[in-house]
C-alpha cells in the first residue's frame, strides 16, 4: 500500500541520515573523551598541595574558562632557606595548551631550576629553545619564575613576557607596588630571545601577587576592565587568614563582571613572606575551581584539592 511505501521510504531516509551523521557522532565522542583526559592531566600538573615553607605562606587559585585551560602555577622547596615558584599562561587553549603545559612542567621539575640555583636567565633560555623545538611556531608561553633566598632576603627572578607580578610592601616604603618586569620576551617564540635576571629585596610582611591576564582584563557589562588598581585594593586588604587570599581576589573579579562569563582562565598566586625562621602553620591545598555543565548554564564549583595519599 501507499502507506507502507511511504513508511519504508521514511525508514530508509532515517537510516541514510544516521549513516551520514554517525561518524561525526563518533568523532565528537572521541574528542570529548580526549578533552576529559587532557583536563585530568592538566589538573594533575597543578600542585595538589603547597609545601610547608619556613619563611612564607603561599596561596593559589585557578579557574579555567574552558574545558582545558592554559594557565599553570607551581612551587618547589629547594631547601629550608630557598624556594622556587612560577606562574605562566600558555597561548591558546585546549589539548595543545595542556601538552605545552606538560613540557614546561617537566622542565621545571627536571632538576634544571634546582641545579641552576637561581640562574634563571640560563634556564629560561634553555626552555625557550626546547619549546621552539617541541611546538608549532605559533605556540608560546608567558612565564614568570623566581626564587627567594632567606639568607640574603633576596627575590631573584626572570619575567618571560608575563604580566609583571607586584610586590606590596608591608612597611609603607612605597605607595605603589613594585612591578617585577626584568626578563625578556615570551618563551617559545623567538629563537634568539635573550633573558636577564632581576632582583629585589624582600622583608617580612611583604606580599608578591602573581596573576594571569584573565584577572586584570576581565570586563564588566560596560566594557571596563578589572585592572591592577582593583587587584591592589583587594591585596592591600589582606589580613589574618591568608589561605583565602586568592579566593577573595577572584570573588572580587566575579562581583565586578557580574553575569558575564570569563573568556580567559583566571589564576592568582600570592606569597606572603613571614619572619625569618618562623615556620607557617602547616600547608594549605591550592584551590582549583572547575567550570562544569549544570543544566542550561555552566555552574562554577569550587574544589579544594586534597594532598595525595
Protein backbone atom coordinates (compact mmCIF):
# COMPACT_ATOMS: atom_id res chain seq x y z
CA UNK A 1 0.00 0.00 0.00
CA UNK A 2 0.94 3.66 -0.29
CA UNK A 3 1.29 3.94 3.49
CA UNK A 4 3.75 1.04 3.63
CA UNK A 5 5.79 2.51 0.79
CA UNK A 6 5.94 5.91 2.50
CA UNK A 7 6.91 4.26 5.80
CA UNK A 8 9.67 2.30 4.08
CA UNK A 9 10.96 5.45 2.38
CA UNK A 10 10.96 7.31 5.72
CA UNK A 11 12.86 4.45 7.36
CA UNK A 12 15.43 4.34 4.57
CA UNK A 13 15.85 8.12 4.77
CA UNK A 14 16.36 7.93 8.53
CA UNK A 15 18.96 5.18 8.12
CA UNK A 16 20.81 7.22 5.50
CA UNK A 17 20.83 10.27 7.78
CA UNK A 18 22.11 8.13 10.66
CA UNK A 19 24.82 6.64 8.46
CA UNK A 20 25.95 10.11 7.44
CA UNK A 21 25.91 11.54 10.95
CA UNK A 22 27.26 8.50 12.81
CA UNK A 23 30.98 9.13 12.00
CA UNK A 24 30.61 12.73 13.19
CA UNK A 25 28.93 11.46 16.38
CA UNK A 26 31.76 9.01 16.99
CA UNK A 27 34.37 11.72 16.37
CA UNK A 28 32.51 14.00 18.75
CA UNK A 29 32.54 11.36 21.46
CA UNK A 30 36.22 10.70 20.86
CA UNK A 31 37.00 14.42 21.07
CA UNK A 32 35.01 14.69 24.30
CA UNK A 33 36.99 11.79 25.77
CA UNK A 34 40.27 13.38 24.70
CA UNK A 35 39.29 16.71 26.29
CA UNK A 36 38.35 14.94 29.52
CA UNK A 37 41.69 13.16 29.57
CA UNK A 38 43.57 16.40 28.83
CA UNK A 39 41.69 18.15 31.62
CA UNK A 40 42.61 15.43 34.11
CA UNK A 41 46.23 15.57 33.02
CA UNK A 42 46.23 19.34 33.34
CA UNK A 43 44.78 19.26 36.84
CA UNK A 44 47.38 16.65 37.80
CA UNK A 45 50.09 19.07 36.68
CA UNK A 46 48.91 21.69 39.16
CA UNK A 47 50.29 21.10 42.66
CA UNK A 48 47.86 19.18 44.85
CA UNK A 49 49.32 20.80 47.96
CA UNK A 50 51.87 23.52 48.56
CA UNK A 51 54.98 22.54 50.53
CA UNK A 52 55.35 23.85 54.06
CA UNK A 53 57.72 26.83 53.96
CA UNK A 54 59.59 28.25 56.92
CA UNK A 55 59.60 31.80 55.62
CA UNK A 56 56.46 32.29 53.58
CA UNK A 57 52.78 31.48 53.14
CA UNK A 58 51.57 30.62 49.64
CA UNK A 59 48.05 30.57 48.24
CA UNK A 60 46.95 29.91 44.65
CA UNK A 61 43.62 29.64 42.80
CA UNK A 62 42.88 28.73 39.17
CA UNK A 63 39.54 28.97 37.34
CA UNK A 64 39.76 27.53 33.81
CA UNK A 65 37.49 29.37 31.36
CA UNK A 66 37.15 26.32 29.11
CA UNK A 67 37.24 22.55 29.46
CA UNK A 68 41.03 22.68 29.15
CA UNK A 69 42.76 25.90 30.14
CA UNK A 70 46.24 27.23 29.63
CA UNK A 71 47.31 28.69 32.99
CA UNK A 72 49.81 26.95 35.25
CA UNK A 73 51.48 27.58 38.57
CA UNK A 74 53.90 25.63 40.73
CA UNK A 75 56.26 25.89 43.68
CA UNK A 76 59.24 23.79 44.77
CA UNK A 77 61.06 23.98 48.09
CA UNK A 78 64.79 23.68 47.32
CA UNK A 79 65.85 23.59 50.97
CA UNK A 80 64.81 25.24 54.22
CA UNK A 81 66.18 28.61 53.07
CA UNK A 82 65.11 28.70 49.42
CA UNK A 83 62.06 28.02 47.30
CA UNK A 84 61.29 28.40 43.60
CA UNK A 85 57.91 29.33 42.14
CA UNK A 86 56.40 30.11 38.75
CA UNK A 87 53.20 31.17 37.07
CA UNK A 88 52.55 31.03 33.32
CA UNK A 89 49.95 31.31 30.61
CA UNK A 90 50.09 29.12 27.50
CA UNK A 91 48.90 30.71 24.26
CA UNK A 92 45.51 29.47 23.11
CA UNK A 93 43.66 26.76 24.99
CA UNK A 94 42.58 23.15 24.61
CA UNK A 95 44.54 19.93 24.29
CA UNK A 96 47.60 21.56 22.67
CA UNK A 97 47.83 24.01 25.58
CA UNK A 98 47.75 21.11 28.05
CA UNK A 99 50.55 19.39 26.14
CA UNK A 100 52.70 22.53 26.20
CA UNK A 101 51.97 22.87 29.92
CA UNK A 102 53.36 19.34 30.34
CA UNK A 103 56.62 20.35 28.66
CA UNK A 104 57.02 23.40 30.93
CA UNK A 105 56.12 21.34 34.00
CA UNK A 106 58.64 18.67 33.07
CA UNK A 107 61.39 21.24 32.58
CA UNK A 108 60.55 22.87 35.90
CA UNK A 109 60.70 19.59 37.79
CA UNK A 110 63.54 18.12 35.76
CA UNK A 111 66.16 19.43 38.12
CA UNK A 112 67.28 22.35 36.00
CA UNK A 113 65.82 25.02 38.26
CA UNK A 114 67.31 23.45 41.37
CA UNK A 115 70.68 22.90 39.70
CA UNK A 116 70.75 26.46 38.37
CA UNK A 117 70.45 27.76 41.94
CA UNK A 118 68.78 30.92 40.77
CA UNK A 119 70.39 31.17 37.33
CA UNK A 120 67.00 31.67 35.74
CA UNK A 121 68.16 33.55 32.67
CA UNK A 122 70.06 30.47 31.55
CA UNK A 123 67.17 28.15 32.43
CA UNK A 124 64.66 30.36 30.60
CA UNK A 125 66.91 30.39 27.53
CA UNK A 126 67.03 26.58 27.52
CA UNK A 127 63.28 26.35 27.96
CA UNK A 128 62.75 28.81 25.11
CA UNK A 129 64.78 26.64 22.74
CA UNK A 130 63.05 23.48 23.98
CA UNK A 131 59.57 24.88 23.33
CA UNK A 132 60.58 26.06 19.85
CA UNK A 133 61.74 22.53 19.06
CA UNK A 134 58.71 20.79 20.59
CA UNK A 135 55.83 23.02 19.48
CA UNK A 136 54.47 24.79 16.43
CA UNK A 137 55.72 28.30 15.71
CA UNK A 138 52.51 29.92 16.92
CA UNK A 139 52.65 28.35 20.36
CA UNK A 140 54.33 30.11 23.24
CA UNK A 141 54.15 30.70 27.00
CA UNK A 142 54.27 33.85 29.08
CA UNK A 143 56.17 32.76 32.16
CA UNK A 144 57.41 34.25 35.42
CA UNK A 145 59.87 32.26 37.52
CA UNK A 146 61.54 33.38 40.74
CA UNK A 147 63.39 32.13 43.80
CA UNK A 148 63.56 33.53 47.30
CA UNK A 149 66.67 33.10 49.45
CA UNK A 150 66.10 34.00 53.09
CA UNK A 151 69.86 34.15 53.73
CA UNK A 152 70.09 37.27 51.56
CA UNK A 153 66.41 38.34 51.79
CA UNK A 154 66.51 38.50 48.01
CA UNK A 155 63.98 37.54 45.37
CA UNK A 156 65.74 36.68 42.10
CA UNK A 157 63.51 36.31 39.05
CA UNK A 158 63.08 36.31 35.27
CA UNK A 159 59.90 37.56 33.62
CA UNK A 160 59.38 35.93 30.22
CA UNK A 161 56.74 38.21 28.73
CA UNK A 162 54.25 37.73 31.57
CA UNK A 163 52.18 40.43 33.24
CA UNK A 164 54.51 41.85 35.93
CA UNK A 165 53.92 40.36 39.38
CA UNK A 166 53.51 43.06 42.02
CA UNK A 167 55.37 43.42 45.32
CA UNK A 168 53.32 45.07 48.06
CA UNK A 169 55.48 46.47 50.85
CA UNK A 170 54.28 45.97 54.40
CA UNK A 171 56.23 48.87 55.91
CA UNK A 172 54.96 51.61 53.63
CA UNK A 173 58.25 52.00 51.78
CA UNK A 174 56.31 52.69 48.61
CA UNK A 175 52.79 53.91 47.95
CA UNK A 176 52.65 51.89 44.75
CA UNK A 177 53.51 48.19 44.36
CA UNK A 178 56.81 47.33 42.70
CA UNK A 179 56.37 45.67 39.30
CA UNK A 180 58.74 42.79 38.52
CA UNK A 181 59.42 43.43 34.84
CA UNK A 182 63.03 42.36 34.22
CA UNK A 183 63.42 39.37 31.90
CA UNK A 184 62.71 39.10 28.20
CA UNK A 185 60.08 38.17 25.58
CA UNK A 186 57.54 35.36 25.69
CA UNK A 187 59.01 31.86 25.84
CA UNK A 188 58.95 29.54 22.84
CA UNK A 189 58.55 32.05 20.03
CA UNK A 190 61.89 33.75 19.22
CA UNK A 191 64.99 31.64 18.60
CA UNK A 192 67.39 34.46 19.50
CA UNK A 193 65.49 35.66 22.57
CA UNK A 194 67.70 36.89 25.42
CA UNK A 195 66.77 36.88 29.09
CA UNK A 196 68.16 38.67 32.13
CA UNK A 197 67.58 38.33 35.86
CA UNK A 198 66.10 40.89 38.18
CA UNK A 199 66.41 41.15 41.96
CA UNK A 200 64.52 42.85 44.73
CA UNK A 201 64.96 42.84 48.50
CA UNK A 202 62.12 41.26 50.46
CA UNK A 203 61.18 41.97 54.07
CA UNK A 204 58.81 40.08 56.41
CA UNK A 205 55.22 41.01 55.69
CA UNK A 206 55.79 41.81 52.01
CA UNK A 207 53.36 40.19 49.55
CA UNK A 208 54.09 39.16 45.98
CA UNK A 209 50.97 38.79 43.81
CA UNK A 210 51.19 36.86 40.53
CA UNK A 211 48.21 36.73 38.18
CA UNK A 212 47.16 35.91 34.63
CA UNK A 213 45.59 38.36 32.19
CA UNK A 214 42.22 36.70 32.71
CA UNK A 215 42.10 38.50 36.08
CA UNK A 216 43.06 42.09 35.25
CA UNK A 217 41.45 42.05 31.79
CA UNK A 218 38.11 40.67 32.97
CA UNK A 219 35.41 43.12 31.83
CA UNK A 220 32.01 44.14 33.16
CA UNK A 221 28.89 44.96 31.17
CA UNK A 222 30.21 48.48 30.50
CA UNK A 223 33.39 47.13 28.97
CA UNK A 224 35.59 48.32 31.86
CA UNK A 225 38.48 46.06 32.91
CA UNK A 226 39.02 44.88 36.48
CA UNK A 227 42.55 46.23 36.26
CA UNK A 228 45.58 46.38 38.53
CA UNK A 229 44.03 49.07 40.73
CA UNK A 230 41.17 46.88 41.89
CA UNK A 231 43.55 43.94 42.30
CA UNK A 232 45.79 46.08 44.53
CA UNK A 233 42.83 47.17 46.64
CA UNK A 234 41.98 43.54 47.42
CA UNK A 235 45.60 42.62 48.15
CA UNK A 236 46.02 45.63 50.44
CA UNK A 237 43.03 44.47 52.47
CA UNK A 238 44.58 41.07 53.23
CA UNK A 239 44.98 40.36 56.92
CA UNK A 240 44.61 37.42 59.25
CA UNK A 241 43.82 34.15 57.45
CA UNK A 242 45.90 34.12 54.27
CA UNK A 243 44.55 30.81 52.97
CA UNK A 244 41.64 32.59 51.24
CA UNK A 245 43.66 35.49 49.85
CA UNK A 246 43.42 34.43 46.22
CA UNK A 247 39.79 33.40 46.61
CA UNK A 248 38.98 36.93 47.73
CA UNK A 249 40.61 38.31 44.59
CA UNK A 250 38.57 36.10 42.29
CA UNK A 251 35.41 36.77 44.26
CA UNK A 252 36.04 40.47 43.67
CA UNK A 253 36.53 39.77 39.95
CA UNK A 254 33.25 37.84 39.86
CA UNK A 255 31.39 40.62 41.63
CA UNK A 256 32.84 43.15 39.16
CA UNK A 257 31.96 41.21 36.00
CA UNK A 258 28.53 40.09 37.18
CA UNK A 259 26.92 37.50 34.91
CA UNK A 260 29.46 37.83 32.13
CA UNK A 261 31.20 34.51 31.60
CA UNK A 262 35.02 34.70 31.71
CA UNK A 263 36.69 34.50 28.31
CA UNK A 264 40.07 33.51 29.71
CA UNK A 265 41.50 31.47 32.58
CA UNK A 266 41.75 33.33 35.87
CA UNK A 267 44.72 32.44 38.04
CA UNK A 268 46.14 34.15 41.11
CA UNK A 269 49.13 33.14 43.21
CA UNK A 270 50.14 35.10 46.28
CA UNK A 271 53.20 34.76 48.51
CA UNK A 272 53.37 36.48 51.89
CA UNK A 273 56.80 36.45 53.48
CA UNK A 274 56.89 35.79 57.21
CA UNK A 275 59.52 36.34 59.88
CA UNK A 276 62.79 34.51 59.27
CA UNK A 277 62.97 31.13 60.93
CA UNK A 278 59.29 31.02 61.93
CA UNK A 279 57.50 28.10 60.23
CA UNK A 280 53.95 28.52 58.99
CA UNK A 281 51.11 26.51 60.49
CA UNK A 282 51.00 23.60 58.06
CA UNK A 283 50.38 23.51 54.35
CA UNK A 284 47.16 24.56 52.66
CA UNK A 285 45.99 22.96 49.41
CA UNK A 286 45.60 25.35 46.49
CA UNK A 287 42.06 25.76 45.23
CA UNK A 288 41.22 24.57 41.74
CA UNK A 289 37.88 25.95 40.57
CA UNK A 290 36.21 23.95 37.81
CA UNK A 291 33.60 25.00 35.29
CA UNK A 292 31.29 22.04 34.69
CA UNK A 293 27.98 21.60 32.83
CA UNK A 294 24.98 22.34 35.01
CA UNK A 295 21.74 22.37 33.04
CA UNK A 296 21.01 25.46 30.97
CA UNK A 297 24.14 27.29 32.09
CA UNK A 298 27.55 26.35 33.32
CA UNK A 299 27.97 26.28 37.07
CA UNK A 300 31.17 27.25 38.81
CA UNK A 301 32.08 24.77 41.50
CA UNK A 302 34.95 25.04 43.93
CA UNK A 303 37.10 22.05 44.73
CA UNK A 304 39.87 22.19 47.29
CA UNK A 305 42.45 19.69 46.13
CA UNK A 306 43.48 17.45 48.96
CA UNK A 307 47.03 16.17 49.42
CA UNK A 308 47.89 12.94 47.68
CA UNK A 309 47.95 9.91 49.98
